[in-house]
Amino acid sequence: MASIPDEFHDLFEKKTFAHVATLTDDGLPHVTPVWIDYDADEGYLLVNTERHRQKARNAERNSGVGVSMTDPDDPYRYLSVIGEIDEITTEGAREHIDELAQRYMEVDEYPNPIESERVLLRIRPDQVL
């Protein structure tokens, strides 16, 4: 497993949007903007989504993923990751979306209705560019 360089950890403290690429059942890329987080202790990128969303359905079939993010303060500073989704879990997902809502929306709780159930995609970085 590759690690995220320390000098890029600040991206996970800002309102940084990432683009996550998964593969459809036809093998075509599906790219979507997401809120992004990093579990520095375990070394995983974290994407919080709902189980019924296309990226979650794609991840169930094919765990390969690409993630890119651009520093919101400097569009020429970026991080790109190629990896695998090691786990899709509901454990802690609801609490995690509230934490992300605090960072991205400056509210205590995620305000949007949950249509299915929240899941965390735990992405193992294999290559960091």
N, C-alpha and C. Protein backbone atom coordinates (compact mmCIF):
# COMPACT_ATOMS: atom_id res chain seq x y z
N MET A 1 0.86 -1.18 0.00
CA MET A 1 0.00 0.00 0.00
C MET A 1 0.90 1.23 0.00
N ALA A 2 0.57 2.17 -0.87
CA ALA A 2 1.28 3.45 -0.91
C ALA A 2 0.68 4.37 0.15
N SER A 3 1.41 5.40 0.51
CA SER A 3 0.89 6.34 1.50
C SER A 3 0.76 7.73 0.88
N ILE A 4 -0.12 8.51 1.46
CA ILE A 4 -0.29 9.89 1.02
C ILE A 4 0.83 10.70 1.66
N PRO A 5 1.62 11.42 0.87
CA PRO A 5 2.72 12.22 1.44
C PRO A 5 2.20 13.24 2.45
N ASP A 6 2.96 13.41 3.52
CA ASP A 6 2.58 14.34 4.58
C ASP A 6 2.24 15.73 4.06
N GLU A 7 2.95 16.18 3.05
CA GLU A 7 2.73 17.54 2.54
C GLU A 7 1.38 17.71 1.82
N PHE A 8 0.64 16.59 1.66
CA PHE A 8 -0.69 16.67 1.05
C PHE A 8 -1.82 16.40 2.05
N HIS A 9 -1.48 16.14 3.29
CA HIS A 9 -2.52 15.86 4.29
C HIS A 9 -3.46 17.05 4.50
N ASP A 10 -2.99 18.25 4.24
CA ASP A 10 -3.84 19.44 4.41
C ASP A 10 -5.04 19.42 3.47
N LEU A 11 -4.94 18.70 2.36
CA LEU A 11 -6.07 18.63 1.43
C LEU A 11 -7.30 18.01 2.09
N PHE A 12 -7.08 17.21 3.12
CA PHE A 12 -8.18 16.53 3.80
C PHE A 12 -8.70 17.32 5.00
N GLU A 13 -8.21 18.54 5.13
CA GLU A 13 -8.70 19.44 6.17
C GLU A 13 -9.46 20.62 5.56
N LYS A 14 -9.37 20.75 4.23
CA LYS A 14 -10.02 21.83 3.49
C LYS A 14 -11.30 21.30 2.83
N LYS A 15 -11.97 22.20 2.15
CA LYS A 15 -13.15 21.82 1.36
C LYS A 15 -12.69 21.35 -0.02
N THR A 16 -11.87 20.33 -0.01
CA THR A 16 -11.31 19.77 -1.25
C THR A 16 -12.30 18.78 -1.85
N PHE A 17 -12.62 19.00 -3.11
CA PHE A 17 -13.45 18.03 -3.83
C PHE A 17 -12.54 17.09 -4.61
N ALA A 18 -12.90 15.82 -4.59
CA ALA A 18 -12.17 14.82 -5.35
C ALA A 18 -13.09 14.33 -6.47
N HIS A 19 -12.48 13.76 -7.48
CA HIS A 19 -13.22 13.08 -8.53
C HIS A 19 -12.85 11.61 -8.45
N VAL A 20 -13.86 10.78 -8.31
CA VAL A 20 -13.67 9.34 -8.18
C VAL A 20 -14.13 8.66 -9.45
N ALA A 21 -13.25 7.84 -10.00
CA ALA A 21 -13.57 7.08 -11.20
C ALA A 21 -13.74 5.61 -10.84
N THR A 22 -14.90 5.07 -11.19
CA THR A 22 -15.18 3.65 -11.05
C THR A 22 -15.56 3.13 -12.44
N LEU A 23 -15.72 1.83 -12.54
CA LEU A 23 -16.08 1.25 -13.84
C LEU A 23 -17.50 0.70 -13.81
N THR A 24 -18.27 1.02 -14.85
CA THR A 24 -19.63 0.50 -14.98
C THR A 24 -19.56 -0.98 -15.35
N ASP A 25 -20.71 -1.63 -15.37
CA ASP A 25 -20.72 -3.05 -15.74
C ASP A 25 -20.35 -3.26 -17.21
N ASP A 26 -20.39 -2.20 -18.02
CA ASP A 26 -19.94 -2.27 -19.41
C ASP A 26 -18.45 -1.98 -19.54
N GLY A 27 -17.77 -1.71 -18.41
CA GLY A 27 -16.34 -1.41 -18.44
C GLY A 27 -16.03 0.03 -18.78
N LEU A 28 -17.05 0.88 -18.78
CA LEU A 28 -16.85 2.30 -19.10
C LEU A 28 -16.62 3.09 -17.82
N PRO A 29 -15.81 4.16 -17.88
CA PRO A 29 -15.54 4.93 -16.67
C PRO A 29 -16.74 5.77 -16.25
N HIS A 30 -16.94 5.83 -14.96
CA HIS A 30 -17.95 6.70 -14.36
C HIS A 30 -17.20 7.58 -13.37
N VAL A 31 -17.22 8.89 -13.58
CA VAL A 31 -16.48 9.83 -12.74
C VAL A 31 -17.47 10.75 -12.06
N THR A 32 -17.28 10.93 -10.75
CA THR A 32 -18.20 11.76 -10.00
C THR A 32 -17.44 12.57 -8.95
N PRO A 33 -17.84 13.83 -8.73
CA PRO A 33 -17.22 14.62 -7.67
C PRO A 33 -17.74 14.18 -6.30
N VAL A 34 -16.84 14.16 -5.33
CA VAL A 34 -17.21 13.72 -3.98
C VAL A 34 -16.46 14.53 -2.94
N TRP A 35 -17.00 14.52 -1.73
CA TRP A 35 -16.23 14.95 -0.57
C TRP A 35 -15.22 13.84 -0.28
N ILE A 36 -14.04 14.21 0.20
CA ILE A 36 -12.98 13.23 0.40
C ILE A 36 -12.41 13.34 1.81
N ASP A 37 -11.98 12.21 2.35
CA ASP A 37 -11.37 12.19 3.67
C ASP A 37 -10.23 11.18 3.64
N TYR A 38 -9.39 11.24 4.66
CA TYR A 38 -8.23 10.36 4.74
C TYR A 38 -8.08 9.86 6.17
N ASP A 39 -8.01 8.56 6.33
CA ASP A 39 -7.72 7.94 7.61
C ASP A 39 -6.22 7.73 7.67
N ALA A 40 -5.51 8.71 8.23
CA ALA A 40 -4.05 8.67 8.25
C ALA A 40 -3.51 7.50 9.07
N ASP A 41 -4.24 7.08 10.09
CA ASP A 41 -3.79 5.97 10.92
C ASP A 41 -3.79 4.66 10.14
N GLU A 42 -4.82 4.45 9.34
CA GLU A 42 -4.95 3.20 8.57
C GLU A 42 -4.43 3.34 7.14
N GLY A 43 -4.31 4.58 6.65
CA GLY A 43 -3.79 4.81 5.31
C GLY A 43 -4.81 4.75 4.19
N TYR A 44 -6.10 4.83 4.53
CA TYR A 44 -7.15 4.72 3.52
C TYR A 44 -7.77 6.07 3.19
N LEU A 45 -8.07 6.27 1.90
CA LEU A 45 -8.95 7.36 1.50
C LEU A 45 -10.37 6.92 1.82
N LEU A 46 -11.21 7.87 2.20
CA LEU A 46 -12.59 7.54 2.55
C LEU A 46 -13.55 8.36 1.70
N VAL A 47 -14.48 7.67 1.08
CA VAL A 47 -15.56 8.31 0.34
C VAL A 47 -16.86 7.84 0.96
N ASN A 48 -17.70 8.79 1.33
CA ASN A 48 -18.99 8.48 1.95
C ASN A 48 -20.06 8.69 0.90
N THR A 49 -20.90 7.68 0.71
CA THR A 49 -21.93 7.76 -0.31
C THR A 49 -23.14 6.96 0.16
N GLU A 50 -24.14 6.87 -0.70
CA GLU A 50 -25.28 6.01 -0.40
C GLU A 50 -25.18 4.74 -1.23
N ARG A 51 -25.70 3.68 -0.66
CA ARG A 51 -25.58 2.36 -1.29
C ARG A 51 -26.19 2.32 -2.70
N HIS A 52 -27.24 3.09 -2.96
CA HIS A 52 -27.90 3.02 -4.26
C HIS A 52 -27.21 3.86 -5.35
N ARG A 53 -26.21 4.64 -5.01
CA ARG A 53 -25.55 5.49 -6.00
C ARG A 53 -24.71 4.66 -6.97
N GLN A 54 -24.51 5.20 -8.16
CA GLN A 54 -23.80 4.48 -9.21
C GLN A 54 -22.39 4.08 -8.77
N LYS A 55 -21.65 4.98 -8.12
CA LYS A 55 -20.28 4.64 -7.74
C LYS A 55 -20.24 3.48 -6.75
N ALA A 56 -21.21 3.41 -5.84
CA ALA A 56 -21.26 2.30 -4.88
C ALA A 56 -21.62 1.00 -5.60
N ARG A 57 -22.56 1.07 -6.51
CA ARG A 57 -22.93 -0.13 -7.27
C ARG A 57 -21.76 -0.61 -8.12
N ASN A 58 -21.05 0.33 -8.74
CA ASN A 58 -19.86 -0.04 -9.53
C ASN A 58 -18.81 -0.70 -8.65
N ALA A 59 -18.59 -0.14 -7.46
CA ALA A 59 -17.57 -0.65 -6.55
C ALA A 59 -17.89 -2.06 -6.08
N GLU A 60 -19.15 -2.40 -5.99
CA GLU A 60 -19.54 -3.76 -5.61
C GLU A 60 -19.09 -4.78 -6.66
N ARG A 61 -19.06 -4.37 -7.93
CA ARG A 61 -18.69 -5.26 -9.03
C ARG A 61 -17.20 -5.26 -9.32
N ASN A 62 -16.58 -4.07 -9.21
CA ASN A 62 -15.17 -3.91 -9.57
C ASN A 62 -14.55 -2.94 -8.58
N SER A 63 -13.58 -3.41 -7.83
CA SER A 63 -13.02 -2.60 -6.75
C SER A 63 -11.95 -1.61 -7.19
N GLY A 64 -11.55 -1.64 -8.46
CA GLY A 64 -10.54 -0.70 -8.96
C GLY A 64 -11.10 0.71 -9.01
N VAL A 65 -10.28 1.68 -8.61
CA VAL A 65 -10.75 3.06 -8.53
C VAL A 65 -9.59 4.02 -8.79
N GLY A 66 -9.93 5.16 -9.36
CA GLY A 66 -9.00 6.27 -9.50
C GLY A 66 -9.58 7.48 -8.80
N VAL A 67 -8.74 8.23 -8.12
CA VAL A 67 -9.19 9.41 -7.38
C VAL A 67 -8.22 10.56 -7.70
N SER A 68 -8.78 11.71 -8.02
CA SER A 68 -7.92 12.89 -8.17
C SER A 68 -8.56 14.04 -7.41
N MET A 69 -7.72 14.89 -6.89
CA MET A 69 -8.21 16.07 -6.18
C MET A 69 -7.27 17.23 -6.44
N THR A 70 -7.85 18.41 -6.45
CA THR A 70 -7.10 19.64 -6.67
C THR A 70 -7.23 20.52 -5.44
N ASP A 71 -6.13 21.09 -5.02
CA ASP A 71 -6.14 22.00 -3.88
C ASP A 71 -7.07 23.16 -4.19
N PRO A 72 -8.09 23.41 -3.35
CA PRO A 72 -9.01 24.52 -3.64
C PRO A 72 -8.34 25.89 -3.59
N ASP A 73 -7.15 25.96 -2.96
CA ASP A 73 -6.42 27.23 -2.87
C ASP A 73 -5.37 27.39 -3.96
N ASP A 74 -5.06 26.30 -4.66
CA ASP A 74 -4.02 26.33 -5.70
C ASP A 74 -4.34 25.25 -6.73
N PRO A 75 -5.02 25.62 -7.82
CA PRO A 75 -5.47 24.61 -8.79
C PRO A 75 -4.33 23.88 -9.50
N TYR A 76 -3.08 24.31 -9.32
CA TYR A 76 -1.95 23.62 -9.93
C TYR A 76 -1.33 22.59 -8.98
N ARG A 77 -1.86 22.51 -7.78
CA ARG A 77 -1.40 21.52 -6.79
C ARG A 77 -2.47 20.43 -6.71
N TYR A 78 -2.07 19.21 -7.00
CA TYR A 78 -3.06 18.14 -7.04
C TYR A 78 -2.47 16.84 -6.52
N LEU A 79 -3.36 15.90 -6.29
CA LEU A 79 -2.99 14.56 -5.86
C LEU A 79 -3.83 13.59 -6.66
N SER A 80 -3.20 12.54 -7.14
CA SER A 80 -3.90 11.51 -7.91
C SER A 80 -3.56 10.15 -7.31
N VAL A 81 -4.57 9.31 -7.15
CA VAL A 81 -4.40 8.01 -6.50
C VAL A 81 -5.06 6.94 -7.37
N ILE A 82 -4.37 5.84 -7.52
CA ILE A 82 -4.93 4.64 -8.14
C ILE A 82 -4.94 3.57 -7.06
N GLY A 83 -6.07 2.91 -6.90
CA GLY A 83 -6.13 1.92 -5.83
C GLY A 83 -7.30 0.98 -5.94
N GLU A 84 -7.58 0.33 -4.83
CA GLU A 84 -8.66 -0.64 -4.73
C GLU A 84 -9.54 -0.27 -3.55
N ILE A 85 -10.82 -0.53 -3.71
CA ILE A 85 -11.74 -0.37 -2.59
C ILE A 85 -11.66 -1.67 -1.80
N ASP A 86 -11.04 -1.59 -0.62
CA ASP A 86 -10.87 -2.77 0.22
C ASP A 86 -12.13 -3.13 0.98
N GLU A 87 -12.97 -2.13 1.25
CA GLU A 87 -14.15 -2.40 2.05
C GLU A 87 -15.24 -1.39 1.74
N ILE A 88 -16.46 -1.88 1.73
CA ILE A 88 -17.65 -1.03 1.68
C ILE A 88 -18.41 -1.36 2.96
N THR A 89 -18.54 -0.38 3.83
CA THR A 89 -19.12 -0.65 5.14
C THR A 89 -20.10 0.44 5.57
N THR A 90 -21.08 0.04 6.35
CA THR A 90 -22.00 0.99 6.95
C THR A 90 -21.49 1.45 8.31
N GLU A 91 -20.52 0.73 8.86
CA GLU A 91 -20.01 1.04 10.20
C GLU A 91 -19.39 2.44 10.24
N GLY A 92 -19.98 3.30 11.04
CA GLY A 92 -19.48 4.66 11.20
C GLY A 92 -19.83 5.61 10.08
N ALA A 93 -20.54 5.13 9.07
CA ALA A 93 -20.82 5.96 7.88
C ALA A 93 -21.72 7.15 8.22
N ARG A 94 -22.72 6.95 9.04
CA ARG A 94 -23.64 8.05 9.38
C ARG A 94 -22.90 9.14 10.15
N GLU A 95 -22.09 8.76 11.13
CA GLU A 95 -21.31 9.73 11.89
C GLU A 95 -20.30 10.45 10.99
N HIS A 96 -19.72 9.69 10.08
CA HIS A 96 -18.71 10.26 9.18
C HIS A 96 -19.31 11.33 8.26
N ILE A 97 -20.52 11.10 7.75
CA ILE A 97 -21.11 12.10 6.86
C ILE A 97 -21.41 13.38 7.63
N ASP A 98 -21.72 13.27 8.92
CA ASP A 98 -21.90 14.47 9.74
C ASP A 98 -20.58 15.22 9.91
N GLU A 99 -19.48 14.49 10.10
CA GLU A 99 -18.16 15.13 10.19
C GLU A 99 -17.82 15.86 8.90
N LEU A 100 -18.10 15.22 7.77
CA LEU A 100 -17.83 15.87 6.48
C LEU A 100 -18.72 17.09 6.29
N ALA A 101 -19.97 17.02 6.72
CA ALA A 101 -20.89 18.16 6.60
C ALA A 101 -20.37 19.34 7.41
N GLN A 102 -19.72 19.07 8.54
CA GLN A 102 -19.14 20.16 9.32
C GLN A 102 -18.03 20.85 8.52
N ARG A 103 -17.18 20.06 7.86
CA ARG A 103 -16.08 20.63 7.08
C ARG A 103 -16.58 21.33 5.81
N TYR A 104 -17.44 20.67 5.06
CA TYR A 104 -17.83 21.18 3.75
C TYR A 104 -18.99 22.18 3.78
N MET A 105 -19.88 22.02 4.76
CA MET A 105 -21.08 22.87 4.79
C MET A 105 -21.18 23.75 6.03
N GLU A 106 -20.27 23.49 7.00
CA GLU A 106 -20.27 24.24 8.26
C GLU A 106 -21.60 24.10 9.01
N VAL A 107 -22.13 22.87 9.01
CA VAL A 107 -23.33 22.53 9.78
C VAL A 107 -23.00 21.32 10.65
N ASP A 108 -23.77 21.13 11.71
CA ASP A 108 -23.49 20.04 12.65
C ASP A 108 -23.90 18.67 12.12
N GLU A 109 -24.98 18.64 11.34
CA GLU A 109 -25.48 17.37 10.82
C GLU A 109 -25.72 17.48 9.32
N TYR A 110 -25.49 16.37 8.64
CA TYR A 110 -25.74 16.31 7.20
C TYR A 110 -27.23 16.57 6.96
N PRO A 111 -27.57 17.63 6.20
CA PRO A 111 -28.96 18.05 6.09
C PRO A 111 -29.79 17.34 5.02
N ASN A 112 -29.16 16.64 4.11
CA ASN A 112 -29.91 16.04 3.00
C ASN A 112 -30.55 14.72 3.43
N PRO A 113 -31.72 14.41 2.88
CA PRO A 113 -32.36 13.14 3.24
C PRO A 113 -31.52 11.95 2.75
N ILE A 114 -31.50 10.92 3.55
CA ILE A 114 -30.80 9.68 3.18
C ILE A 114 -31.82 8.78 2.52
N GLU A 115 -31.57 8.44 1.25
CA GLU A 115 -32.54 7.69 0.46
C GLU A 115 -32.39 6.17 0.61
N SER A 116 -31.18 5.70 0.86
CA SER A 116 -30.99 4.25 1.05
C SER A 116 -30.27 4.06 2.37
N GLU A 117 -28.95 3.91 2.35
CA GLU A 117 -28.17 3.91 3.58
C GLU A 117 -26.77 4.41 3.26
N ARG A 118 -26.16 5.09 4.22
CA ARG A 118 -24.82 5.62 4.03
C ARG A 118 -23.81 4.48 4.11
N VAL A 119 -22.82 4.52 3.24
CA VAL A 119 -21.73 3.56 3.26
C VAL A 119 -20.41 4.30 3.10
N LEU A 120 -19.37 3.73 3.64
CA LEU A 120 -18.01 4.23 3.45
C LEU A 120 -17.28 3.34 2.47
N LEU A 121 -16.67 3.96 1.47
CA LEU A 121 -15.76 3.25 0.57
C LEU A 121 -14.36 3.47 1.11
N ARG A 122 -13.72 2.42 1.56
CA ARG A 122 -12.36 2.51 2.10
C ARG A 122 -11.39 2.15 0.97
N ILE A 123 -10.70 3.16 0.47
CA ILE A 123 -9.85 3.02 -0.71
C ILE A 123 -8.39 2.87 -0.30
N ARG A 124 -7.80 1.75 -0.69
CA ARG A 124 -6.39 1.48 -0.44
C ARG A 124 -5.57 2.11 -1.57
N PRO A 125 -4.73 3.10 -1.27
CA PRO A 125 -3.90 3.68 -2.32
C PRO A 125 -2.78 2.70 -2.73
N ASP A 126 -2.72 2.36 -4.00
CA ASP A 126 -1.65 1.52 -4.51
C ASP A 126 -0.58 2.34 -5.22
N GLN A 127 -1.02 3.40 -5.87
CA GLN A 127 -0.10 4.34 -6.52
C GLN A 127 -0.55 5.75 -6.18
N VAL A 128 0.40 6.58 -5.79
CA VAL A 128 0.11 7.98 -5.49
C VAL A 128 0.98 8.81 -6.43
N LEU A 129 0.30 9.66 -7.21
CA LEU A 129 1.00 10.48 -8.19
C LEU A 129 0.89 11.95 -7.80
